[in-house]
């Protein structure tokens, strides 16, 4: 069975973003004085999953990342990711598809 190439070699920008995210999670944990074992127990996973998340490994499940954010009271920032109201490009594309004027349908009339 072929492995997911995204996990083996993600695009450079994705890899860098995950590394930065992992580093940020590690900083949040250390500032709170929590050990890897303690946070792993709190979110119900093993220490390896926490260590992998803090390294920004692409194979780490999004649930682990979300649970870590929750454990540090940082989950609201995660909930705002990909907010459609803040998607400038998506909003622009949607506006281009909106009709510029209203038209009446050509229904049947009673003109005989």
C-alpha atoms as a PDB file:
ATOM      1  CA  UNK A   1       0.000   0.000   0.000  1.00  0.00           C
ATOM      2  CA  UNK A   2       1.569   3.346  -1.044  1.00  0.00           C
ATOM      3  CA  UNK A   3       2.153   5.909   1.682  1.00  0.00           C
ATOM      4  CA  UNK A   4       0.692   9.361   1.543  1.00  0.00           C
ATOM      5  CA  UNK A   5       3.350  11.544  -0.100  1.00  0.00           C
ATOM      6  CA  UNK A   6       1.990  14.592   1.734  1.00  0.00           C
ATOM      7  CA  UNK A   7       3.060  13.015   5.017  1.00  0.00           C
ATOM      8  CA  UNK A   8       6.478  11.991   3.718  1.00  0.00           C
ATOM      9  CA  UNK A   9       7.346  15.239   1.936  1.00  0.00           C
ATOM     10  CA  UNK A  10       4.832  18.045   2.484  1.00  0.00           C
ATOM     11  CA  UNK A  11       5.232  21.304   0.542  1.00  0.00           C
ATOM     12  CA  UNK A  12       7.937  23.435   2.091  1.00  0.00           C
ATOM     13  CA  UNK A  13       5.515  26.124   3.294  1.00  0.00           C
ATOM     14  CA  UNK A  14       3.333  23.484   4.976  1.00  0.00           C
ATOM     15  CA  UNK A  15       6.343  21.884   6.643  1.00  0.00           C
ATOM     16  CA  UNK A  16       7.541  25.244   7.973  1.00  0.00           C
ATOM     17  CA  UNK A  17       4.066  26.185   9.244  1.00  0.00           C
ATOM     18  CA  UNK A  18       3.749  22.863  11.079  1.00  0.00           C
ATOM     19  CA  UNK A  19       7.191  23.271  12.638  1.00  0.00           C
ATOM     20  CA  UNK A  20       6.316  26.772  13.834  1.00  0.00           C
ATOM     21  CA  UNK A  21       2.960  25.552  15.156  1.00  0.00           C
ATOM     22  CA  UNK A  22       4.672  22.712  17.018  1.00  0.00           C
ATOM     23  CA  UNK A  23       7.223  25.091  18.476  1.00  0.00           C
ATOM     24  CA  UNK A  24       4.430  27.397  19.606  1.00  0.00           C
ATOM     25  CA  UNK A  25       2.662  24.474  21.302  1.00  0.00           C
ATOM     26  CA  UNK A  26       5.881  23.532  23.097  1.00  0.00           C
ATOM     27  CA  UNK A  27       6.338  27.122  24.288  1.00  0.00           C
ATOM     28  CA  UNK A  28       2.742  27.194  25.558  1.00  0.00           C
ATOM     29  CA  UNK A  29       3.288  23.945  27.473  1.00  0.00           C
ATOM     30  CA  UNK A  30       6.574  25.078  29.008  1.00  0.00           C
ATOM     31  CA  UNK A  31       5.154  28.457  30.039  1.00  0.00           C
ATOM     32  CA  UNK A  32       2.425  26.603  31.914  1.00  0.00           C
ATOM     33  CA  UNK A  33       4.965  24.341  33.592  1.00  0.00           C
ATOM     34  CA  UNK A  34       3.309  21.159  32.290  1.00  0.00           C
ATOM     35  CA  UNK A  35       5.269  18.048  31.396  1.00  0.00           C
ATOM     36  CA  UNK A  36       4.713  16.083  28.210  1.00  0.00           C
ATOM     37  CA  UNK A  37       3.347  13.184  30.273  1.00  0.00           C
ATOM     38  CA  UNK A  38       0.887  15.462  32.089  1.00  0.00           C
ATOM     39  CA  UNK A  39      -0.520  17.001  28.908  1.00  0.00           C
ATOM     40  CA  UNK A  40      -0.660  13.598  27.223  1.00  0.00           C
ATOM     41  CA  UNK A  41      -2.691  12.272  30.144  1.00  0.00           C
ATOM     42  CA  UNK A  42      -4.990  15.277  30.069  1.00  0.00           C
ATOM     43  CA  UNK A  43      -5.818  14.875  26.378  1.00  0.00           C
ATOM     44  CA  UNK A  44      -5.877  11.088  26.500  1.00  0.00           C
ATOM     45  CA  UNK A  45      -2.982  10.236  24.211  1.00  0.00           C
ATOM     46  CA  UNK A  46       0.566   8.964  24.523  1.00  0.00           C
ATOM     47  CA  UNK A  47       3.664  11.027  25.069  1.00  0.00           C
ATOM     48  CA  UNK A  48       4.906  10.179  21.547  1.00  0.00           C
ATOM     49  CA  UNK A  49       1.897  11.966  19.995  1.00  0.00           C
ATOM     50  CA  UNK A  50       2.616  15.107  22.032  1.00  0.00           C
ATOM     51  CA  UNK A  51       6.303  15.009  21.129  1.00  0.00           C
ATOM     52  CA  UNK A  52       5.440  14.551  17.451  1.00  0.00           C
ATOM     53  CA  UNK A  53       3.017  17.492  17.568  1.00  0.00           C
ATOM     54  CA  UNK A  54       5.660  19.690  19.190  1.00  0.00           C
ATOM     55  CA  UNK A  55       8.021  18.762  16.359  1.00  0.00           C
ATOM     56  CA  UNK A  56       5.360  19.658  13.810  1.00  0.00           C
ATOM     57  CA  UNK A  57       5.215  16.214  12.238  1.00  0.00           C
ATOM     58  CA  UNK A  58       2.772  16.117   9.332  1.00  0.00           C
ATOM     59  CA  UNK A  59       1.596  12.643  10.329  1.00  0.00           C
ATOM     60  CA  UNK A  60       0.260  13.883  13.676  1.00  0.00           C
ATOM     61  CA  UNK A  61      -3.526  13.866  13.654  1.00  0.00           C
ATOM     62  CA  UNK A  62      -5.398  17.136  13.724  1.00  0.00           C
ATOM     63  CA  UNK A  63      -7.246  15.908  16.821  1.00  0.00           C
ATOM     64  CA  UNK A  64      -3.970  15.875  18.750  1.00  0.00           C
ATOM     65  CA  UNK A  65      -3.218  19.447  17.701  1.00  0.00           C
ATOM     66  CA  UNK A  66      -6.757  20.579  18.590  1.00  0.00           C
ATOM     67  CA  UNK A  67      -6.643  18.799  21.940  1.00  0.00           C
ATOM     68  CA  UNK A  68      -3.321  20.434  22.797  1.00  0.00           C
ATOM     69  CA  UNK A  69      -4.795  23.834  21.991  1.00  0.00           C
ATOM     70  CA  UNK A  70      -7.768  22.991  24.194  1.00  0.00           C
ATOM     71  CA  UNK A  71      -5.516  21.923  27.053  1.00  0.00           C
ATOM     72  CA  UNK A  72      -3.751  25.300  26.904  1.00  0.00           C
ATOM     73  CA  UNK A  73      -7.030  27.281  26.592  1.00  0.00           C
ATOM     74  CA  UNK A  74      -6.086  28.309  23.048  1.00  0.00           C
ATOM     75  CA  UNK A  75      -8.869  26.526  21.160  1.00  0.00           C
ATOM     76  CA  UNK A  76     -10.797  29.689  20.102  1.00  0.00           C
ATOM     77  CA  UNK A  77      -7.954  30.560  17.695  1.00  0.00           C
ATOM     78  CA  UNK A  78      -8.307  27.106  16.104  1.00  0.00           C
ATOM     79  CA  UNK A  79     -12.064  27.550  15.725  1.00  0.00           C
ATOM     80  CA  UNK A  80     -11.432  30.708  13.689  1.00  0.00           C
ATOM     81  CA  UNK A  81      -9.190  28.980  11.125  1.00  0.00           C
ATOM     82  CA  UNK A  82     -10.572  29.116   7.571  1.00  0.00           C
ATOM     83  CA  UNK A  83     -13.380  31.424   8.709  1.00  0.00           C
ATOM     84  CA  UNK A  84     -15.449  32.068   5.549  1.00  0.00           C
ATOM     85  CA  UNK A  85     -16.032  35.668   6.624  1.00  0.00           C
ATOM     86  CA  UNK A  86     -12.262  36.294   6.635  1.00  0.00           C
ATOM     87  CA  UNK A  87     -11.553  34.497   3.331  1.00  0.00           C
ATOM     88  CA  UNK A  88     -10.901  37.538   1.146  1.00  0.00           C
ATOM     89  CA  UNK A  89     -10.205  35.552  -2.016  1.00  0.00           C
ATOM     90  CA  UNK A  90     -13.282  33.352  -1.527  1.00  0.00           C
ATOM     91  CA  UNK A  91     -15.490  36.379  -0.881  1.00  0.00           C
ATOM     92  CA  UNK A  92     -14.165  38.072  -4.014  1.00  0.00           C
ATOM     93  CA  UNK A  93     -14.867  34.981  -6.118  1.00  0.00           C
ATOM     94  CA  UNK A  94     -18.362  34.674  -4.654  1.00  0.00           C
ATOM     95  CA  UNK A  95     -19.093  38.325  -5.477  1.00  0.00           C
ATOM     96  CA  UNK A  96     -18.053  37.783  -9.088  1.00  0.00           C
ATOM     97  CA  UNK A  97     -20.659  35.033  -9.431  1.00  0.00           C
ATOM     98  CA  UNK A  98     -23.487  37.056  -7.897  1.00  0.00           C
ATOM     99  CA  UNK A  99     -26.018  38.425 -10.384  1.00  0.00           C
ATOM    100  CA  UNK A 100     -25.754  42.141 -11.081  1.00  0.00           C
ATOM    101  CA  UNK A 101     -29.485  42.580 -11.689  1.00  0.00           C
ATOM    102  CA  UNK A 102     -32.718  40.774 -10.968  1.00  0.00           C
ATOM    103  CA  UNK A 103     -34.727  39.194 -13.787  1.00  0.00           C
ATOM    104  CA  UNK A 104     -38.270  37.999 -13.830  1.00  0.00           C
ATOM    105  CA  UNK A 105     -38.866  34.464 -14.950  1.00  0.00           C
ATOM    106  CA  UNK A 106     -40.648  33.911 -18.260  1.00  0.00           C
ATOM    107  CA  UNK A 107     -43.645  32.150 -16.842  1.00  0.00           C
ATOM    108  CA  UNK A 108     -47.019  31.611 -18.529  1.00  0.00           C
ATOM    109  CA  UNK A 109     -49.336  34.562 -18.744  1.00  0.00           C
ATOM    110  CA  UNK A 110     -53.068  34.803 -19.280  1.00  0.00           C
ATOM    111  CA  UNK A 111     -52.788  36.897 -22.439  1.00  0.00           C
ATOM    112  CA  UNK A 112     -54.844  35.196 -25.174  1.00  0.00           C
END
